[in-house]
């Protein structure tokens, strides 16, 4: 019989320690790089914040929402969706179904702390049903609000 010799216990322990240190260094580099990029770059979604202040959906043909810029930068509103349908912007004082209009702020941008009223033309809304409104900003931020037909909030 031939005796097979393995790695000595001292060498085995040293190899395990070296592998553990190498893995630890890799994890440290990955975590510090990730944390650094999150804290330095920030994103427009972090600095842009829109809040639904109130809404009036008592008239089932139109929904008026009041949104406020509570973030730290000016927000440009690029698109508005009602229940998944992209709405087109209009300057008419009463938008028809599939359109939206700014009623108090005629521009599509909100300065910090500013509130805008948006009137949305709706057709076929059912009283008591909830609907989702999405506001998309110029930098790609998406803000989702829920309103209930036949109510104010």
Protein backbone atom coordinates (compact mmCIF):
# COMPACT_ATOMS: atom_id res chain seq x y z
CA UNK A 1 0.00 0.00 0.00
CA UNK A 2 1.11 3.42 -0.83
CA UNK A 3 0.56 6.12 1.69
CA UNK A 4 -0.87 9.32 0.26
CA UNK A 5 0.09 12.42 2.03
CA UNK A 6 -2.20 15.47 2.11
CA UNK A 7 -1.43 19.08 2.80
CA UNK A 8 -0.08 19.65 6.26
CA UNK A 9 -2.50 21.20 8.76
CA UNK A 10 -0.40 24.38 9.02
CA UNK A 11 -0.44 24.96 5.25
CA UNK A 12 -4.19 24.21 5.13
CA UNK A 13 -4.93 26.82 7.82
CA UNK A 14 -2.76 29.41 6.05
CA UNK A 15 -4.56 28.78 2.74
CA UNK A 16 -7.98 29.17 4.39
CA UNK A 17 -6.93 32.45 6.02
CA UNK A 18 -5.57 33.80 2.71
CA UNK A 19 -8.78 32.89 0.85
CA UNK A 20 -10.94 34.47 3.57
CA UNK A 21 -8.93 37.70 3.47
CA UNK A 22 -9.15 37.85 -0.33
CA UNK A 23 -12.93 37.42 -0.26
CA UNK A 24 -13.21 40.05 2.49
CA UNK A 25 -11.20 42.55 0.43
CA UNK A 26 -13.40 41.95 -2.62
CA UNK A 27 -16.60 42.46 -0.61
CA UNK A 28 -15.19 45.65 0.97
CA UNK A 29 -14.25 47.12 -2.42
CA UNK A 30 -17.67 46.29 -3.87
CA UNK A 31 -19.61 47.74 -0.90
CA UNK A 32 -17.50 50.92 -0.64
CA UNK A 33 -17.86 51.53 -4.40
CA UNK A 34 -21.63 51.04 -4.23
CA UNK A 35 -22.04 53.26 -1.18
CA UNK A 36 -19.85 55.94 -2.72
CA UNK A 37 -21.86 56.09 -5.94
CA UNK A 38 -25.17 56.24 -4.08
CA UNK A 39 -24.11 59.08 -1.82
CA UNK A 40 -22.19 61.16 -4.37
CA UNK A 41 -24.30 61.03 -7.51
CA UNK A 42 -27.79 61.10 -6.09
CA UNK A 43 -30.45 61.06 -8.72
CA UNK A 44 -33.20 63.23 -10.01
CA UNK A 45 -35.69 60.85 -8.40
CA UNK A 46 -34.11 61.67 -5.03
CA UNK A 47 -34.19 65.44 -5.56
CA UNK A 48 -37.50 65.57 -7.48
CA UNK A 49 -40.55 65.05 -5.32
CA UNK A 50 -44.17 65.68 -6.25
CA UNK A 51 -46.97 65.36 -3.73
CA UNK A 52 -50.70 65.16 -4.35
CA UNK A 53 -52.05 67.95 -2.16
CA UNK A 54 -55.73 67.57 -3.08
CA UNK A 55 -58.07 66.44 -5.82
CA UNK A 56 -61.65 67.07 -6.89
CA UNK A 57 -63.30 64.25 -8.82
CA UNK A 58 -66.95 64.97 -7.97
CA UNK A 59 -67.70 65.67 -11.64
CA UNK A 60 -67.21 62.30 -13.35
CA UNK A 61 -66.24 64.03 -16.63
CA UNK A 62 -63.18 65.74 -15.20
CA UNK A 63 -60.69 65.31 -12.40
CA UNK A 64 -58.75 68.25 -11.00
CA UNK A 65 -55.55 67.45 -9.12
CA UNK A 66 -53.29 69.77 -7.16
CA UNK A 67 -49.67 68.69 -7.07
CA UNK A 68 -46.90 70.39 -5.14
CA UNK A 69 -43.16 70.28 -5.76
CA UNK A 70 -41.79 69.26 -2.35
CA UNK A 71 -38.34 68.37 -3.72
CA UNK A 72 -35.21 70.46 -3.92
CA UNK A 73 -35.13 71.17 -7.68
CA UNK A 74 -37.42 72.62 -10.32
CA UNK A 75 -39.61 69.91 -11.89
CA UNK A 76 -40.67 69.84 -15.54
CA UNK A 77 -43.80 67.80 -16.20
CA UNK A 78 -43.38 65.87 -19.44
CA UNK A 79 -46.35 63.49 -19.50
CA UNK A 80 -49.55 62.74 -17.62
CA UNK A 81 -51.31 59.37 -17.66
CA UNK A 82 -54.83 58.58 -16.48
CA UNK A 83 -55.46 54.91 -15.72
CA UNK A 84 -52.64 53.87 -18.05
CA UNK A 85 -53.68 56.09 -20.96
CA UNK A 86 -51.26 58.83 -22.00
CA UNK A 87 -53.03 62.18 -22.10
CA UNK A 88 -52.28 64.97 -24.53
CA UNK A 89 -51.75 68.51 -23.27
CA UNK A 90 -54.19 71.21 -24.30
CA UNK A 91 -54.60 74.90 -23.63
CA UNK A 92 -58.40 74.63 -23.60
CA UNK A 93 -60.02 75.68 -20.32
CA UNK A 94 -62.07 72.45 -20.30
CA UNK A 95 -60.12 69.49 -21.67
CA UNK A 96 -62.01 66.69 -23.37
CA UNK A 97 -61.49 63.00 -22.64
CA UNK A 98 -57.84 62.03 -23.11
CA UNK A 99 -56.53 65.57 -22.54
CA UNK A 100 -55.21 67.54 -19.61
CA UNK A 101 -54.71 71.25 -19.02
CA UNK A 102 -52.98 73.39 -16.43
CA UNK A 103 -55.55 75.64 -14.81
CA UNK A 104 -53.56 77.87 -12.48
CA UNK A 105 -50.00 77.35 -13.63
CA UNK A 106 -49.88 77.68 -17.42
CA UNK A 107 -46.38 76.22 -17.68
CA UNK A 108 -45.33 72.62 -17.39
CA UNK A 109 -42.72 73.36 -14.73
CA UNK A 110 -42.96 73.72 -10.98
CA UNK A 111 -40.48 75.65 -8.89
CA UNK A 112 -39.60 74.35 -5.44
CA UNK A 113 -42.65 74.76 -3.18
CA UNK A 114 -44.97 75.67 -6.05
CA UNK A 115 -48.37 74.00 -6.54
CA UNK A 116 -50.03 73.36 -9.90
CA UNK A 117 -53.63 72.49 -10.69
CA UNK A 118 -54.11 70.03 -13.53
CA UNK A 119 -57.54 69.41 -15.02
CA UNK A 120 -57.98 66.01 -16.65
CA UNK A 121 -60.77 65.20 -19.09
CA UNK A 122 -62.33 61.81 -18.33
CA UNK A 123 -65.04 59.71 -19.92
CA UNK A 124 -66.82 56.71 -18.46
CA UNK A 125 -65.68 57.14 -14.86
CA UNK A 126 -67.72 55.17 -12.32
CA UNK A 127 -68.51 56.74 -8.97
CA UNK A 128 -66.57 55.05 -6.18
CA UNK A 129 -63.99 53.50 -8.50
CA UNK A 130 -60.32 54.32 -7.96
CA UNK A 131 -58.14 55.59 -10.79
CA UNK A 132 -54.37 55.97 -11.08
CA UNK A 133 -52.74 59.17 -12.28
CA UNK A 134 -49.06 59.09 -13.24
CA UNK A 135 -47.02 62.23 -13.69
CA UNK A 136 -43.72 61.77 -15.54
CA UNK A 137 -41.05 64.45 -15.28
CA UNK A 138 -38.61 65.57 -17.93
CA UNK A 139 -35.76 63.71 -16.24
CA UNK A 140 -37.74 60.46 -16.07
CA UNK A 141 -39.12 60.60 -12.54
CA UNK A 142 -42.50 58.87 -12.20
CA UNK A 143 -45.00 59.89 -9.53
CA UNK A 144 -48.18 57.87 -9.05
CA UNK A 145 -51.35 59.12 -7.35
CA UNK A 146 -54.68 57.40 -6.72
CA UNK A 147 -58.00 59.26 -6.90
CA UNK A 148 -61.55 58.04 -6.32
CA UNK A 149 -64.32 59.07 -8.69
CA UNK A 150 -67.18 60.98 -7.13
CA UNK A 151 -65.07 62.26 -4.23
CA UNK A 152 -62.60 64.90 -3.16
CA UNK A 153 -59.42 64.29 -1.31
